[in-house]
């Protein structure tokens, strides 16, 4: 009788450890070694995957074992039980029913009494399904545990956010880091003074303030060796990092957790809707006050830009071309230095778009009048204002919502079909109706389609949730507008609090009258209503024929519709 070359395979996941599984790697090795000795198996290799999930089959030592099987160096594979091989019932069934027999490899799961040398292994299929259910249930319990800890205000983070460190006696609590807290405070100070994220980044590079990744690297919390091979990178700040710091309620002493969650079996994460994220206030010492936080965010939001005459337009970053979607830039021309907004696409290439020009004064009057009108409605008749916002958003989102509902239904139906195909494919492989190559190819195909469908379902559900939030947003819009009843002046701050974007369309001539449409998209409210504004008679002051703004009639009566 020839000696059977045997592989012992051990696996322990983090989930097993969290659930108090006492079968450590050391215990598994001892048990399997004793079993092999008692049954006369020659152990040629022990393969160990410590900290790897049973749903993941891209484990280092598991794949090394498969390579040795392919090379003909293994006759027997032994595990403590089927769950050590894996917890995906389809893939485990593939290995035990198809792959190992095809390679003439005997498989033994000691505690489950499974031995492919015996014909009666019907219990194995049931145990595989139960192992996957265990993993699914385990995933739910862990997610529930994480959310419970988050609700208790226990901060979970892999790395310390700049400005804080983990408390020595409690790694779920943040304490102020005296070495870096000043950096955060200075960011808010500069932002509150009107400096943008790009300028703050430039200032920090000039002052040689170390960036957050350098602090993590220097303290051994994260390896950035390659990045800091160049010493200058120590001061390389990203404007995105600065924006995120300014917008992060962490620096008010609040914790926002559970922003993402993993998708079972897929191994990827999805973003959790903001309403389902967990926010716990006053979990640690704040670095800035609410007043400083709000002021810095209002200034960053307003995106102020000065021109050469030190004029700051309150519309900066808000005015867009209604045709190409690009920004309208503020220009001066003529003896009177009239301010006019012009499509930047057209300014760079007159063939790519039209000028969409609109005088700053006309835009100012039109927007102010529209805000005054809707603020008065919201103040005098809140229900009417809410109904108006709901009605207008229904026009925008109604058809999209119905289309998305249909798409979601189809995606879920197809997902169920693919799941059934998985089960049927497994049955076909067991009965020999499908080859191993085709099985592997179809498994990959269906797995890929399943992942794509999950992403599509997630996106559609999020889109539908946005439509469902229409009523809530309408109430928020009405309440916000009512606060501005009697408004007499537009500023960058109040515009950015009230408005998301202003779209300016090209001029059209109707019945001898030149009309120009603008659309105002309000925060929470969206595009609300239409009203007509009559501007002053405009004259094109430029006499140069080559001027890209010299279009249309010299005398135009313009009506602005928002």
Protein backbone atom coordinates (compact mmCIF):
# COMPACT_ATOMS: atom_id res chain seq x y z
CA UNK A 1 0.00 0.00 0.00
CA UNK A 2 1.46 3.35 -1.07
CA UNK A 3 1.87 6.18 1.43
CA UNK A 4 -0.66 8.97 0.91
CA UNK A 5 0.94 12.40 0.77
CA UNK A 6 -1.23 14.54 2.95
CA UNK A 7 -1.90 18.26 3.29
CA UNK A 8 -3.32 19.65 6.53
CA UNK A 9 -5.29 22.84 5.99
CA UNK A 10 -6.09 25.23 8.88
CA UNK A 11 -8.06 28.47 8.76
CA UNK A 12 -9.30 30.92 11.36
CA UNK A 13 -11.09 34.16 10.52
CA UNK A 14 -11.47 37.35 12.54
CA UNK A 15 -15.19 36.63 12.71
CA UNK A 16 -14.47 33.24 14.36
CA UNK A 17 -12.27 34.97 16.93
CA UNK A 18 -14.93 37.61 17.65
CA UNK A 19 -17.47 34.86 18.23
CA UNK A 20 -15.15 33.20 20.75
CA UNK A 21 -14.15 30.21 18.58
CA UNK A 22 -11.69 28.22 20.71
CA UNK A 23 -10.36 26.24 17.75
CA UNK A 24 -7.19 28.27 17.31
CA UNK A 25 -4.68 27.54 14.55
CA UNK A 26 -2.45 25.83 17.11
CA UNK A 27 -5.33 23.60 18.26
CA UNK A 28 -6.29 22.74 14.66
CA UNK A 29 -2.70 21.77 13.82
CA UNK A 30 -2.40 19.52 16.86
CA UNK A 31 -5.74 17.82 16.16
CA UNK A 32 -5.06 17.22 12.46
CA UNK A 33 -1.50 16.03 13.06
CA UNK A 34 -2.76 13.49 15.62
CA UNK A 35 -5.49 12.31 13.21
CA UNK A 36 -3.01 11.85 10.36
CA UNK A 37 -0.63 9.91 12.61
CA UNK A 38 -3.39 7.58 13.87
CA UNK A 39 -4.61 6.84 10.32
CA UNK A 40 -1.20 6.39 8.67
CA UNK A 41 -1.16 9.54 6.52
CA UNK A 42 2.19 11.14 5.62
CA UNK A 43 1.96 14.88 6.28
CA UNK A 44 4.02 16.67 3.63
CA UNK A 45 2.81 20.20 4.27
CA UNK A 46 0.65 22.24 6.67
CA UNK A 47 -1.18 25.17 5.04
CA UNK A 48 -2.39 27.98 7.30
CA UNK A 49 -4.61 30.99 6.56
CA UNK A 50 -4.92 32.95 9.79
CA UNK A 51 -7.37 35.88 9.77
CA UNK A 52 -9.02 35.00 6.43
CA UNK A 53 -12.78 34.81 5.90
CA UNK A 54 -14.32 31.54 4.76
CA UNK A 55 -16.20 33.48 2.07
CA UNK A 56 -12.92 34.53 0.47
CA UNK A 57 -11.26 31.84 -1.65
CA UNK A 58 -8.30 34.01 -2.64
CA UNK A 59 -6.41 32.97 0.51
CA UNK A 60 -2.60 32.77 0.17
CA UNK A 61 -2.02 29.29 1.61
CA UNK A 62 -5.24 27.87 0.17
CA UNK A 63 -4.05 28.87 -3.31
CA UNK A 64 -0.57 27.50 -2.54
CA UNK A 65 -2.20 24.19 -1.65
CA UNK A 66 -4.12 24.21 -4.97
CA UNK A 67 -0.85 24.83 -6.81
CA UNK A 68 0.70 21.78 -5.10
CA UNK A 69 -2.37 19.71 -6.02
CA UNK A 70 -2.02 20.82 -9.65
CA UNK A 71 1.67 19.79 -9.50
CA UNK A 72 0.66 16.31 -8.29
CA UNK A 73 2.32 16.62 -4.86
CA UNK A 74 -0.84 16.05 -2.74
CA UNK A 75 -3.03 12.93 -2.42
CA UNK A 76 -5.14 13.86 0.62
CA UNK A 77 -6.46 17.11 2.11
CA UNK A 78 -7.62 17.13 5.74
CA UNK A 79 -9.43 19.94 7.60
CA UNK A 80 -11.01 20.10 11.06
CA UNK A 81 -14.46 20.50 9.45
CA UNK A 82 -16.06 21.74 6.24
CA UNK A 83 -16.25 25.31 7.49
CA UNK A 84 -12.43 25.48 7.62
CA UNK A 85 -12.40 24.83 3.87
CA UNK A 86 -14.90 27.66 3.38
CA UNK A 87 -18.37 29.01 4.09
CA UNK A 88 -19.67 29.56 0.56
CA UNK A 89 -21.75 26.41 -0.03
CA UNK A 90 -21.48 26.60 -3.84
CA UNK A 91 -17.70 26.90 -3.92
CA UNK A 92 -17.08 24.38 -1.13
CA UNK A 93 -19.40 21.95 -2.95
CA UNK A 94 -17.41 22.53 -6.14
CA UNK A 95 -14.15 21.56 -4.42
CA UNK A 96 -15.50 18.53 -2.55
CA UNK A 97 -17.73 17.16 -5.32
CA UNK A 98 -15.85 18.13 -8.48
CA UNK A 99 -12.34 19.51 -8.09
CA UNK A 100 -10.86 17.05 -5.57
CA UNK A 101 -12.32 13.94 -7.30
CA UNK A 102 -11.07 15.16 -10.70
CA UNK A 103 -7.55 15.56 -9.27
CA UNK A 104 -7.78 12.17 -7.50
CA UNK A 105 -7.42 13.94 -4.16
CA UNK A 106 -9.19 12.52 -1.14
CA UNK A 107 -10.80 15.07 1.15
CA UNK A 108 -11.53 14.52 4.84
CA UNK A 109 -13.40 16.86 7.24
CA UNK A 110 -12.71 15.19 10.59
CA UNK A 111 -15.42 16.60 12.88
CA UNK A 112 -18.12 16.45 10.18
CA UNK A 113 -17.42 12.80 9.31
CA UNK A 114 -16.92 13.66 5.63
CA UNK A 115 -14.52 11.47 3.61
CA UNK A 116 -14.72 11.46 -0.19
CA UNK A 117 -13.34 7.91 -0.16
CA UNK A 118 -16.80 6.92 1.10
CA UNK A 119 -19.86 7.15 -1.13
CA UNK A 120 -22.27 8.30 1.57
CA UNK A 121 -21.45 12.01 2.01
CA UNK A 122 -24.95 13.43 1.59
CA UNK A 123 -24.65 15.27 4.90
CA UNK A 124 -21.82 17.40 3.42
CA UNK A 125 -24.15 19.45 1.17
CA UNK A 126 -26.44 20.29 4.10
CA UNK A 127 -23.49 21.21 6.32
CA UNK A 128 -22.12 23.50 3.57
CA UNK A 129 -25.41 25.38 3.43
CA UNK A 130 -25.52 25.62 7.22
CA UNK A 131 -21.95 26.96 7.28
CA UNK A 132 -22.93 29.74 4.87
CA UNK A 133 -26.00 30.53 6.97
CA UNK A 134 -23.70 30.71 9.99
CA UNK A 135 -21.46 33.16 8.16
CA UNK A 136 -24.45 35.24 7.03
CA UNK A 137 -25.87 35.29 10.55
CA UNK A 138 -22.42 36.08 11.93
CA UNK A 139 -22.15 39.01 9.52
CA UNK A 140 -25.49 40.38 10.75
CA UNK A 141 -24.45 39.99 14.39
CA UNK A 142 -21.13 41.75 13.82
CA UNK A 143 -22.83 44.60 11.94
CA UNK A 144 -25.36 44.90 14.75
CA UNK A 145 -22.53 44.89 17.31
CA UNK A 146 -20.66 47.60 15.41
CA UNK A 147 -23.77 49.80 15.23
CA UNK A 148 -24.47 49.24 18.93
CA UNK A 149 -20.93 50.31 19.82
CA UNK A 150 -21.28 53.33 17.53
CA UNK A 151 -24.56 54.35 19.21
CA UNK A 152 -22.76 54.13 22.54
CA UNK A 153 -20.31 56.73 21.24
CA UNK A 154 -17.35 54.33 21.01
CA UNK A 155 -15.25 55.83 18.22
CA UNK A 156 -13.85 53.29 15.76
CA UNK A 157 -10.99 54.33 13.53
CA UNK A 158 -7.94 52.62 12.06
CA UNK A 159 -5.91 55.81 12.13
CA UNK A 160 -5.96 58.89 14.30
CA UNK A 161 -7.58 61.93 12.65
CA UNK A 162 -5.23 64.92 12.70
CA UNK A 163 -5.78 66.91 15.88
CA UNK A 164 -6.63 63.85 17.97
CA UNK A 165 -5.11 60.64 19.34
CA UNK A 166 -6.65 57.59 20.95
CA UNK A 167 -6.76 57.70 24.72
CA UNK A 168 -4.08 55.39 26.24
CA UNK A 169 -6.61 53.70 28.52
CA UNK A 170 -9.48 53.58 25.99
CA UNK A 171 -8.83 53.15 22.27
CA UNK A 172 -12.48 53.94 21.51
CA UNK A 173 -12.15 57.49 22.82
CA UNK A 174 -10.37 60.43 21.22
CA UNK A 175 -8.28 62.94 23.14
CA UNK A 176 -6.74 66.18 21.88
CA UNK A 177 -3.28 65.77 20.36
CA UNK A 178 -1.26 68.79 21.50
CA UNK A 179 1.22 68.33 18.64
CA UNK A 180 -1.32 68.66 15.84
CA UNK A 181 -4.40 70.38 17.31
CA UNK A 182 -2.98 73.80 16.44
CA UNK A 183 -2.93 72.83 12.75
CA UNK A 184 -6.66 72.13 12.75
CA UNK A 185 -7.40 75.36 14.62
CA UNK A 186 -5.31 77.33 12.13
CA UNK A 187 -7.17 75.79 9.19
CA UNK A 188 -10.48 76.99 10.64
CA UNK A 189 -8.97 80.38 11.44
CA UNK A 190 -7.74 80.89 7.86
CA UNK A 191 -10.99 79.60 6.36
CA UNK A 192 -12.99 81.92 8.61
CA UNK A 193 -10.89 84.82 7.37
CA UNK A 194 -12.02 84.04 3.82
CA UNK A 195 -9.10 81.96 2.59
CA UNK A 196 -10.03 79.03 0.31
CA UNK A 197 -8.78 75.46 0.61
CA UNK A 198 -6.28 75.89 -2.26
CA UNK A 199 -4.82 79.02 -0.67
CA UNK A 200 -4.58 77.36 2.75
CA UNK A 201 -2.72 74.44 1.18
CA UNK A 202 -0.32 76.87 -0.52
CA UNK A 203 0.16 78.77 2.75
CA UNK A 204 0.97 75.56 4.65
CA UNK A 205 3.50 74.52 2.01
CA UNK A 206 5.14 77.93 2.33
CA UNK A 207 5.14 77.76 6.14
CA UNK A 208 6.32 74.10 6.01
CA UNK A 209 3.48 72.71 8.11
CA UNK A 210 3.66 68.86 8.07
CA UNK A 211 0.68 67.19 6.38
CA UNK A 212 -1.56 64.56 8.11
CA UNK A 213 0.01 61.55 6.34
CA UNK A 214 3.45 62.59 7.58
CA UNK A 215 2.24 62.55 11.18
CA UNK A 216 0.81 59.04 10.70
CA UNK A 217 4.06 57.88 9.07
CA UNK A 218 6.37 59.47 11.65
CA UNK A 219 4.42 57.83 14.49
CA UNK A 220 4.44 54.41 12.85
CA UNK A 221 0.66 54.31 12.41
CA UNK A 222 0.81 53.93 8.62
CA UNK A 223 3.64 53.25 6.19
CA UNK A 224 4.23 56.03 3.66
CA UNK A 225 7.91 55.21 3.04
CA UNK A 226 7.74 55.66 -0.74
CA UNK A 227 5.90 58.94 -0.50
CA UNK A 228 8.38 60.46 1.93
CA UNK A 229 11.48 59.37 0.05
CA UNK A 230 11.20 62.95 -1.19
CA UNK A 231 11.52 65.16 1.95
CA UNK A 232 9.49 67.94 0.28
CA UNK A 233 6.38 65.73 0.38
CA UNK A 234 6.30 66.24 4.14
CA UNK A 235 4.64 69.60 3.47
CA UNK A 236 2.52 68.59 0.46
CA UNK A 237 -1.03 69.46 1.55
CA UNK A 238 -4.09 68.54 -0.51
CA UNK A 239 -6.92 71.06 -0.78
CA UNK A 240 -9.34 68.10 -0.60
CA UNK A 241 -7.96 67.10 2.81
CA UNK A 242 -8.41 70.68 4.03
CA UNK A 243 -11.99 70.84 2.73
CA UNK A 244 -12.79 67.53 4.48
CA UNK A 245 -11.36 68.82 7.76
CA UNK A 246 -13.44 72.01 7.57
CA UNK A 247 -16.63 70.04 6.86
CA UNK A 248 -16.01 67.32 9.49
CA UNK A 249 -18.26 67.56 12.61
CA UNK A 250 -15.58 65.52 14.40
CA UNK A 251 -13.89 68.82 15.27
CA UNK A 252 -17.06 69.98 17.03
CA UNK A 253 -16.70 67.00 19.37
CA UNK A 254 -19.27 64.84 17.53
CA UNK A 255 -18.75 61.38 15.99
CA UNK A 256 -20.40 60.29 12.74
CA UNK A 257 -19.98 56.53 12.26
CA UNK A 258 -21.20 53.62 10.11
CA UNK A 259 -20.87 55.63 6.88
CA UNK A 260 -20.24 52.43 4.87
CA UNK A 261 -21.09 48.75 5.24
CA UNK A 262 -19.83 45.61 3.50
CA UNK A 263 -21.99 43.59 1.10
CA UNK A 264 -22.21 39.93 2.15
CA UNK A 265 -20.16 37.53 -0.02
CA UNK A 266 -19.32 40.27 -2.53
CA UNK A 267 -16.45 41.59 -0.40
CA UNK A 268 -17.12 45.23 -1.30
CA UNK A 269 -18.54 48.17 0.60
CA UNK A 270 -21.43 50.45 -0.15
CA UNK A 271 -22.18 53.93 1.14
CA UNK A 272 -24.82 54.10 3.86
CA UNK A 273 -27.50 56.80 3.32
CA UNK A 274 -26.90 59.81 5.56
CA UNK A 275 -30.17 59.20 7.41
CA UNK A 276 -28.94 55.74 8.47
CA UNK A 277 -25.48 56.86 9.58
CA UNK A 278 -24.96 57.11 13.32
CA UNK A 279 -24.17 60.53 14.78
CA UNK A 280 -23.36 60.82 18.47
CA UNK A 281 -22.75 64.27 19.89
CA UNK A 282 -20.22 65.33 22.51
CA UNK A 283 -18.12 62.15 22.40
CA UNK A 284 -14.84 64.02 22.83
CA UNK A 285 -13.38 67.47 23.40
CA UNK A 286 -14.05 69.87 20.48
CA UNK A 287 -11.24 71.78 18.80
CA UNK A 288 -13.48 74.58 17.47
CA UNK A 289 -16.75 76.18 18.54
CA UNK A 290 -19.98 75.89 16.56
CA UNK A 291 -19.69 79.57 15.62
CA UNK A 292 -16.16 79.13 14.20
CA UNK A 293 -17.20 75.90 12.43
CA UNK A 294 -20.25 77.49 10.79
CA UNK A 295 -18.31 80.61 9.83
CA UNK A 296 -15.49 78.67 8.18
CA UNK A 297 -17.93 76.46 6.25
CA UNK A 298 -19.98 79.45 5.10
CA UNK A 299 -16.84 81.15 3.79
CA UNK A 300 -15.60 78.00 2.04
CA UNK A 301 -19.08 77.45 0.61
CA UNK A 302 -19.30 80.99 -0.71
CA UNK A 303 -16.09 80.50 -2.74
CA UNK A 304 -15.35 84.23 -2.87
CA UNK A 305 -13.08 85.49 -5.63
CA UNK A 306 -11.75 89.04 -5.89
CA UNK A 307 -11.11 90.71 -9.22
CA UNK A 308 -8.45 93.37 -9.86
CA UNK A 309 -10.72 96.15 -8.60
CA UNK A 310 -11.27 94.13 -5.39
CA UNK A 311 -14.93 93.58 -6.27
CA UNK A 312 -16.25 90.30 -4.89
CA UNK A 313 -19.24 88.88 -6.73
CA UNK A 314 -21.76 87.17 -4.43
CA UNK A 315 -22.63 84.86 -7.35
CA UNK A 316 -19.13 83.30 -7.57
CA UNK A 317 -19.39 79.60 -8.33
CA UNK A 318 -23.18 79.66 -8.74
CA UNK A 319 -23.84 80.96 -12.26
CA UNK A 320 -23.80 78.30 -15.01
CA UNK A 321 -24.47 78.21 -18.74
CA UNK A 322 -27.90 76.76 -19.46
CA UNK A 323 -26.60 75.14 -22.66
CA UNK A 324 -23.15 73.68 -21.97
CA UNK A 325 -23.31 73.64 -18.17
CA UNK A 326 -19.96 75.37 -17.68
CA UNK A 327 -19.48 78.42 -15.47
CA UNK A 328 -20.27 81.95 -16.59
CA UNK A 329 -17.32 84.25 -15.97
CA UNK A 330 -17.56 87.87 -14.89
CA UNK A 331 -16.16 90.29 -17.46
CA UNK A 332 -15.79 94.09 -17.79
CA UNK A 333 -16.13 96.01 -21.01
CA UNK A 334 -16.96 99.46 -22.31
CA UNK A 335 -16.11 102.90 -21.04
CA UNK A 336 -18.38 102.45 -18.03
CA UNK A 337 -16.73 99.15 -17.14
CA UNK A 338 -20.06 97.35 -17.08
CA UNK A 339 -19.98 93.98 -15.35
CA UNK A 340 -21.37 91.17 -17.45
CA UNK A 341 -21.43 87.38 -17.11
CA UNK A 342 -20.34 85.44 -20.20
CA UNK A 343 -20.14 81.69 -20.92
CA UNK A 344 -16.51 80.62 -20.39
CA UNK A 345 -16.82 77.95 -23.09
CA UNK A 346 -17.75 80.65 -25.61
CA UNK A 347 -14.95 82.93 -24.36
CA UNK A 348 -12.39 80.22 -25.18
CA UNK A 349 -13.97 79.06 -28.44
CA UNK A 350 -16.81 81.01 -30.04
CA UNK A 351 -17.86 77.94 -32.07
CA UNK A 352 -18.38 75.74 -28.99
CA UNK A 353 -21.27 77.69 -27.45
CA UNK A 354 -22.94 81.12 -27.53
CA UNK A 355 -22.13 84.00 -25.17
CA UNK A 356 -25.26 83.72 -22.94
CA UNK A 357 -24.30 87.19 -21.71
CA UNK A 358 -26.24 88.75 -18.89
CA UNK A 359 -25.52 92.00 -17.05
CA UNK A 360 -24.53 91.60 -13.41
CA UNK A 361 -27.10 94.22 -12.35
CA UNK A 362 -29.93 92.41 -14.17
CA UNK A 363 -28.97 89.06 -12.68
CA UNK A 364 -28.79 90.64 -9.21
CA UNK A 365 -32.26 92.24 -9.53
CA UNK A 366 -33.82 89.07 -10.94
CA UNK A 367 -32.45 86.76 -8.25
CA UNK A 368 -33.23 89.17 -5.41
CA UNK A 369 -36.82 89.60 -6.67
CA UNK A 370 -37.28 85.83 -6.94
CA UNK A 371 -36.00 85.23 -3.41
CA UNK A 372 -38.20 88.03 -2.05
CA UNK A 373 -41.26 86.59 -3.81
CA UNK A 374 -40.79 83.03 -2.53
CA UNK A 375 -39.68 84.16 0.94
CA UNK A 376 -42.92 86.15 1.27
CA UNK A 377 -45.00 83.12 0.23
CA UNK A 378 -43.15 80.88 2.70
CA UNK A 379 -43.61 83.42 5.52
CA UNK A 380 -47.29 84.17 4.87
CA UNK A 381 -48.51 80.72 3.81
CA UNK A 382 -46.11 77.91 4.69
CA UNK A 383 -48.43 75.16 3.38
CA UNK A 384 -48.70 76.88 0.00
CA UNK A 385 -44.91 77.14 -0.25
CA UNK A 386 -44.47 73.45 0.65
CA UNK A 387 -47.10 72.43 -1.92
CA UNK A 388 -45.38 74.56 -4.57
CA UNK A 389 -42.01 72.92 -3.91
CA UNK A 390 -43.53 69.41 -3.95
CA UNK A 391 -45.39 70.14 -7.19
CA UNK A 392 -42.30 71.49 -8.97
CA UNK A 393 -40.09 68.64 -7.80
CA UNK A 394 -42.70 66.12 -8.88
CA UNK A 395 -42.37 67.58 -12.38
CA UNK A 396 -38.61 67.14 -12.23
CA UNK A 397 -38.50 63.73 -10.54
CA UNK A 398 -41.86 62.12 -11.22
CA UNK A 399 -41.03 60.38 -14.49
CA UNK A 400 -37.53 59.58 -13.28
CA UNK A 401 -38.99 58.01 -10.14
CA UNK A 402 -41.36 55.78 -12.12
CA UNK A 403 -38.56 54.75 -14.47
CA UNK A 404 -36.30 53.91 -11.54
CA UNK A 405 -39.04 51.88 -9.84
CA UNK A 406 -39.39 49.80 -13.00
CA UNK A 407 -35.63 49.38 -13.33
CA UNK A 408 -35.33 48.39 -9.67
CA UNK A 409 -38.04 45.77 -10.05
CA UNK A 410 -36.29 44.32 -13.11
CA UNK A 411 -32.88 44.34 -11.39
CA UNK A 412 -34.23 42.51 -8.32
CA UNK A 413 -36.02 40.00 -10.51
CA UNK A 414 -32.81 39.32 -12.47
CA UNK A 415 -30.84 39.04 -9.22
CA UNK A 416 -33.23 36.32 -8.03
CA UNK A 417 -32.91 34.56 -11.40
CA UNK A 418 -29.09 34.61 -11.18
CA UNK A 419 -29.27 33.22 -7.63
CA UNK A 420 -31.45 30.36 -8.89
CA UNK A 421 -29.01 29.79 -11.75
CA UNK A 422 -26.24 29.45 -9.17
CA UNK A 423 -28.17 26.65 -7.43
CA UNK A 424 -29.05 24.94 -10.71
CA UNK A 425 -25.44 25.16 -11.86
CA UNK A 426 -24.30 23.47 -8.67
CA UNK A 427 -26.84 20.66 -9.21
CA UNK A 428 -25.66 20.26 -12.82
CA UNK A 429 -22.06 19.99 -11.66
CA UNK A 430 -22.95 17.30 -9.13
CA UNK A 431 -24.82 15.26 -11.73
CA UNK A 432 -22.03 15.63 -14.28
CA UNK A 433 -24.20 17.49 -16.79
CA UNK A 434 -21.62 20.29 -17.03
CA UNK A 435 -17.83 20.19 -17.38
CA UNK A 436 -15.50 21.64 -14.77
CA UNK A 437 -14.26 24.34 -17.19
CA UNK A 438 -17.78 25.46 -18.02
CA UNK A 439 -18.70 25.39 -14.34
CA UNK A 440 -15.81 27.73 -13.47
CA UNK A 441 -16.54 30.01 -16.42
CA UNK A 442 -20.25 30.31 -15.59
CA UNK A 443 -19.59 30.78 -11.88
CA UNK A 444 -17.36 33.77 -12.68
CA UNK A 445 -19.91 35.13 -15.16
CA UNK A 446 -22.85 34.90 -12.74
CA UNK A 447 -20.77 36.19 -9.83
CA UNK A 448 -19.79 39.24 -11.90
CA UNK A 449 -23.39 39.84 -12.97
CA UNK A 450 -24.57 39.45 -9.37
CA UNK A 451 -22.08 42.09 -8.16
CA UNK A 452 -23.14 44.44 -10.97
CA UNK A 453 -26.82 43.95 -10.10
CA UNK A 454 -26.14 44.67 -6.43
CA UNK A 455 -24.47 47.94 -7.39
CA UNK A 456 -27.38 48.80 -9.71
CA UNK A 457 -29.98 47.97 -7.03
CA UNK A 458 -28.11 50.09 -4.51
CA UNK A 459 -27.92 53.06 -6.90
CA UNK A 460 -31.61 52.80 -7.83
CA UNK A 461 -32.71 52.52 -4.21
CA UNK A 462 -30.68 55.62 -3.37
CA UNK A 463 -32.24 57.49 -6.31
CA UNK A 464 -35.74 56.49 -5.22
CA UNK A 465 -34.98 57.55 -1.68
CA UNK A 466 -34.05 60.99 -2.99
CA UNK A 467 -37.47 61.24 -4.63
CA UNK A 468 -39.15 60.10 -1.38
CA UNK A 469 -37.30 62.84 0.46
CA UNK A 470 -39.10 65.37 -1.73
CA UNK A 471 -41.72 66.19 0.92
CA UNK A 472 -39.14 66.58 3.68
CA UNK A 473 -36.96 68.80 1.49
CA UNK A 474 -39.97 70.94 0.58
CA UNK A 475 -40.60 71.62 4.27
CA UNK A 476 -36.92 72.47 4.81
CA UNK A 477 -37.02 74.84 1.83
CA UNK A 478 -40.13 76.63 3.05
CA UNK A 479 -38.71 77.04 6.56
CA UNK A 480 -35.41 78.33 5.18
CA UNK A 481 -37.05 80.80 2.79
CA UNK A 482 -39.34 82.16 5.53
CA UNK A 483 -36.25 83.25 7.47
CA UNK A 484 -35.34 85.61 4.61
CA UNK A 485 -38.62 87.48 4.30
CA UNK A 486 -37.84 91.15 3.71
CA UNK A 487 -34.35 90.46 2.37
CA UNK A 488 -32.91 93.59 0.71
CA UNK A 489 -29.34 92.56 -0.16
CA UNK A 490 -27.62 89.55 -1.72
CA UNK A 491 -24.39 88.33 -0.19
CA UNK A 492 -22.19 85.34 -0.89
CA UNK A 493 -23.28 83.84 2.43
CA UNK A 494 -27.05 84.11 1.97
CA UNK A 495 -26.90 83.11 -1.71
CA UNK A 496 -24.93 79.95 -0.95
CA UNK A 497 -27.29 79.07 1.88
CA UNK A 498 -30.35 79.52 -0.33
CA UNK A 499 -29.23 78.55 -3.84
CA UNK A 500 -27.38 75.65 -5.42
CA UNK A 501 -27.01 77.01 -8.95
CA UNK A 502 -28.32 79.63 -11.36
CA UNK A 503 -28.64 78.62 -15.02
CA UNK A 504 -28.57 81.36 -17.66
CA UNK A 505 -29.95 80.59 -21.12
CA UNK A 506 -29.38 82.33 -24.43
CA UNK A 507 -31.54 85.23 -25.59
CA UNK A 508 -34.50 84.60 -27.88
CA UNK A 509 -36.56 87.10 -29.84
CA UNK A 510 -40.34 86.74 -29.73
CA UNK A 511 -42.72 89.29 -31.23
CA UNK A 512 -40.04 91.96 -31.36
CA UNK A 513 -39.16 91.46 -27.70
CA UNK A 514 -35.90 89.84 -26.65
CA UNK A 515 -36.33 87.40 -23.78
CA UNK A 516 -33.75 85.67 -21.65
CA UNK A 517 -34.47 82.80 -19.28
CA UNK A 518 -32.70 82.03 -16.04
CA UNK A 519 -33.47 79.07 -13.77
CA UNK A 520 -32.76 79.21 -10.05
CA UNK A 521 -32.18 75.91 -8.30
CA UNK A 522 -32.85 76.40 -4.58
CA UNK A 523 -31.33 74.29 -1.83
CA UNK A 524 -33.88 71.66 -0.77
CA UNK A 525 -36.49 73.17 -3.08
CA UNK A 526 -34.96 72.64 -6.51
CA UNK A 527 -36.34 74.64 -9.45
CA UNK A 528 -39.33 76.52 -8.06
CA UNK A 529 -41.82 78.30 -10.31
CA UNK A 530 -41.45 80.84 -13.11
CA UNK A 531 -41.61 84.61 -12.88
CA UNK A 532 -40.78 87.39 -15.37
CA UNK A 533 -38.44 90.30 -14.69
CA UNK A 534 -38.01 93.31 -17.00
CA UNK A 535 -34.51 94.72 -17.14
CA UNK A 536 -33.29 98.08 -18.30
CA UNK A 537 -32.57 98.80 -21.98
CA UNK A 538 -29.03 97.63 -22.69
CA UNK A 539 -26.54 98.99 -25.17
CA UNK A 540 -23.51 97.08 -26.35
CA UNK A 541 -20.69 99.55 -25.57
CA UNK A 542 -17.92 97.82 -27.48
CA UNK A 543 -17.20 99.24 -30.98
CA UNK A 544 -14.65 96.60 -32.00
CA UNK A 545 -15.94 94.19 -34.60
CA UNK A 546 -13.65 91.43 -33.27
CA UNK A 547 -15.14 91.54 -29.76
CA UNK A 548 -16.57 88.08 -28.95
CA UNK A 549 -19.41 89.74 -27.02
CA UNK A 550 -20.59 91.83 -30.00
CA UNK A 551 -23.67 89.80 -30.86
CA UNK A 552 -27.36 90.62 -31.12
CA UNK A 553 -28.90 94.04 -31.38
CA UNK A 554 -27.37 97.13 -29.86
CA UNK A 555 -30.63 97.93 -28.07
CA UNK A 556 -32.31 94.99 -26.39
CA UNK A 557 -35.18 94.90 -23.98
CA UNK A 558 -34.51 91.81 -21.90
CA UNK A 559 -37.01 89.90 -19.79
CA UNK A 560 -35.48 87.53 -17.30
CA UNK A 561 -37.53 84.46 -16.45
CA UNK A 562 -36.64 82.42 -13.39
